[in-house]
Amino acid sequence: MKFQAAVVNVHDITYAIVSVKEYVIDSKFTASRVIKVFEPLFPGLPIILVSINFHGLPAYFGNEDVLKVAMNVPVQDIPWQEYTVEYQDNQPFATQE
């Protein structure tokens, strides 16, 4: 599986931000499950999900305290990278492209 994400550090808060489809953020249940999928790929980091709607506006989901910081970083300024999920000994890990 390939996905777009970044590890961001703002004001001494480091978090992973992952780009997802809009329908993921529209459902708190789905968004919470997706965060659980990404947690092993970014161990120890809070995960923020972001989607861009058809008007080009971002929507976010994640830890409220981290969201306050993440929402102040323009999406175009995030150092996006493509990641690929791979498995070793049945454990997922992400590699950067």
C-alpha atoms as a PDB file:
ATOM      1  CA  MET A   1       0.000   0.000   0.000  1.00  0.00           C
ATOM      2  CA  LYS A   2       1.283   3.469  -0.861  1.00  0.00           C
ATOM      3  CA  PHE A   3       0.262   6.641   0.920  1.00  0.00           C
ATOM      4  CA  GLN A   4       1.280  10.288   1.329  1.00  0.00           C
ATOM      5  CA  ALA A   5       2.443  11.383   4.770  1.00  0.00           C
ATOM      6  CA  ALA A   6       4.934  13.541   6.606  1.00  0.00           C
ATOM      7  CA  VAL A   7       6.570  13.747   9.991  1.00  0.00           C
ATOM      8  CA  VAL A   8       6.294  17.332  11.168  1.00  0.00           C
ATOM      9  CA  ASN A   9       7.822  19.152  14.137  1.00  0.00           C
ATOM     10  CA  VAL A  10       6.233  22.456  15.143  1.00  0.00           C
ATOM     11  CA  HIS A  11       6.836  24.180  18.490  1.00  0.00           C
ATOM     12  CA  ASP A  12       8.556  21.035  19.828  1.00  0.00           C
ATOM     13  CA  ILE A  13       5.523  18.891  18.953  1.00  0.00           C
ATOM     14  CA  THR A  14       6.345  16.083  16.532  1.00  0.00           C
ATOM     15  CA  TYR A  15       3.504  14.279  14.791  1.00  0.00           C
ATOM     16  CA  ALA A  16       2.767  12.273  11.664  1.00  0.00           C
ATOM     17  CA  ILE A  17       0.209  13.643   9.242  1.00  0.00           C
ATOM     18  CA  VAL A  18      -1.375  11.309   6.699  1.00  0.00           C
ATOM     19  CA  SER A  19      -3.387  12.294   3.642  1.00  0.00           C
ATOM     20  CA  VAL A  20      -6.665  10.366   3.351  1.00  0.00           C
ATOM     21  CA  LYS A  21      -9.846  10.475   1.291  1.00  0.00           C
ATOM     22  CA  GLU A  22     -12.585  12.818   2.479  1.00  0.00           C
ATOM     23  CA  TYR A  23     -14.966   9.984   3.429  1.00  0.00           C
ATOM     24  CA  VAL A  24     -12.442   8.764   6.029  1.00  0.00           C
ATOM     25  CA  ILE A  25     -12.647  12.013   7.977  1.00  0.00           C
ATOM     26  CA  ASP A  26     -16.417  12.231   7.525  1.00  0.00           C
ATOM     27  CA  SER A  27     -16.807   9.243   9.875  1.00  0.00           C
ATOM     28  CA  LYS A  28     -15.241   9.462  13.341  1.00  0.00           C
ATOM     29  CA  PHE A  29     -15.436   5.672  13.586  1.00  0.00           C
ATOM     30  CA  THR A  30     -13.585   5.162  10.291  1.00  0.00           C
ATOM     31  CA  ALA A  31     -11.045   7.885  11.058  1.00  0.00           C
ATOM     32  CA  SER A  32     -10.275   6.357  14.462  1.00  0.00           C
ATOM     33  CA  ARG A  33      -9.740   2.943  12.872  1.00  0.00           C
ATOM     34  CA  VAL A  34      -7.482   4.400  10.177  1.00  0.00           C
ATOM     35  CA  ILE A  35      -5.352   6.087  12.834  1.00  0.00           C
ATOM     36  CA  LYS A  36      -4.922   2.681  14.517  1.00  0.00           C
ATOM     37  CA  VAL A  37      -3.669   1.272  11.183  1.00  0.00           C
ATOM     38  CA  PHE A  38      -1.006   3.980  10.896  1.00  0.00           C
ATOM     39  CA  GLU A  39       0.172   3.947  14.538  1.00  0.00           C
ATOM     40  CA  PRO A  40       2.637   1.037  14.063  1.00  0.00           C
ATOM     41  CA  LEU A  41       4.098   2.798  11.024  1.00  0.00           C
ATOM     42  CA  PHE A  42       4.934   5.930  13.017  1.00  0.00           C
ATOM     43  CA  PRO A  43       5.693   4.505  16.481  1.00  0.00           C
ATOM     44  CA  GLY A  44       5.335   6.909  19.363  1.00  0.00           C
ATOM     45  CA  LEU A  45       3.969   9.736  17.226  1.00  0.00           C
ATOM     46  CA  PRO A  46       0.440  11.096  17.346  1.00  0.00           C
ATOM     47  CA  ILE A  47      -1.288  10.629  13.977  1.00  0.00           C
ATOM     48  CA  ILE A  48      -3.244  13.424  12.310  1.00  0.00           C
ATOM     49  CA  LEU A  49      -5.394  12.677   9.270  1.00  0.00           C
ATOM     50  CA  VAL A  50      -6.045  15.340   6.650  1.00  0.00           C
ATOM     51  CA  SER A  51      -8.253  15.366   3.580  1.00  0.00           C
ATOM     52  CA  ILE A  52      -8.835  18.067   1.005  1.00  0.00           C
ATOM     53  CA  ASN A  53     -12.411  18.642  -0.147  1.00  0.00           C
ATOM     54  CA  PHE A  54     -13.504  19.620  -3.656  1.00  0.00           C
ATOM     55  CA  HIS A  55     -13.182  23.307  -2.700  1.00  0.00           C
ATOM     56  CA  GLY A  56      -9.535  22.711  -1.805  1.00  0.00           C
ATOM     57  CA  LEU A  57     -10.139  23.140   1.919  1.00  0.00           C
ATOM     58  CA  PRO A  58      -8.488  20.791   4.426  1.00  0.00           C
ATOM     59  CA  ALA A  59     -10.334  18.834   7.105  1.00  0.00           C
ATOM     60  CA  TYR A  60      -8.461  17.226   9.984  1.00  0.00           C
ATOM     61  CA  PHE A  61      -8.948  14.427  12.495  1.00  0.00           C
ATOM     62  CA  GLY A  62      -6.796  13.429  15.434  1.00  0.00           C
ATOM     63  CA  ASN A  63      -5.656  14.355  18.914  1.00  0.00           C
ATOM     64  CA  GLU A  64      -7.201  17.721  19.836  1.00  0.00           C
ATOM     65  CA  ASP A  65      -4.010  19.181  21.331  1.00  0.00           C
ATOM     66  CA  VAL A  66      -1.945  18.260  18.279  1.00  0.00           C
ATOM     67  CA  LEU A  67      -4.684  19.477  15.929  1.00  0.00           C
ATOM     68  CA  LYS A  68      -4.341  22.984  17.363  1.00  0.00           C
ATOM     69  CA  VAL A  69      -0.760  23.012  16.099  1.00  0.00           C
ATOM     70  CA  ALA A  70      -1.292  21.041  12.875  1.00  0.00           C
ATOM     71  CA  MET A  71      -4.136  23.232  11.649  1.00  0.00           C
ATOM     72  CA  ASN A  72      -1.802  26.248  11.660  1.00  0.00           C
ATOM     73  CA  VAL A  73       0.599  24.635   9.180  1.00  0.00           C
ATOM     74  CA  PRO A  74      -0.534  25.292   5.582  1.00  0.00           C
ATOM     75  CA  VAL A  75      -1.051  21.982   3.769  1.00  0.00           C
ATOM     76  CA  GLN A  76       1.192  23.141   0.924  1.00  0.00           C
ATOM     77  CA  ASP A  77       4.047  23.700   3.417  1.00  0.00           C
ATOM     78  CA  ILE A  78       3.973  20.133   4.738  1.00  0.00           C
ATOM     79  CA  PRO A  79       6.989  18.102   3.522  1.00  0.00           C
ATOM     80  CA  TRP A  80       4.876  15.323   1.945  1.00  0.00           C
ATOM     81  CA  GLN A  81       6.563  12.080   1.013  1.00  0.00           C
ATOM     82  CA  GLU A  82       5.282   8.882  -0.505  1.00  0.00           C
ATOM     83  CA  TYR A  83       5.530   5.851   1.762  1.00  0.00           C
ATOM     84  CA  THR A  84       5.103   2.170   1.022  1.00  0.00           C
ATOM     85  CA  VAL A  85       3.924  -0.289   3.647  1.00  0.00           C
ATOM     86  CA  GLU A  86       6.046  -3.429   3.828  1.00  0.00           C
ATOM     87  CA  TYR A  87       6.051  -6.355   6.224  1.00  0.00           C
ATOM     88  CA  GLN A  88       8.865  -8.105   8.051  1.00  0.00           C
ATOM     89  CA  ASP A  89       8.058 -10.964  10.429  1.00  0.00           C
ATOM     90  CA  ASN A  90       4.366 -10.072  10.013  1.00  0.00           C
ATOM     91  CA  GLN A  91       5.019  -6.570  11.366  1.00  0.00           C
ATOM     92  CA  PRO A  92       4.179  -3.557   9.180  1.00  0.00           C
ATOM     93  CA  PHE A  93       6.684  -0.785   8.626  1.00  0.00           C
ATOM     94  CA  ALA A  94       6.796   2.149   6.234  1.00  0.00           C
ATOM     95  CA  THR A  95       9.578   2.974   3.820  1.00  0.00           C
ATOM     96  CA  GLN A  96       9.949   6.321   2.092  1.00  0.00           C
ATOM     97  CA  GLU A  97       9.967   6.452  -1.678  1.00  0.00           C
END
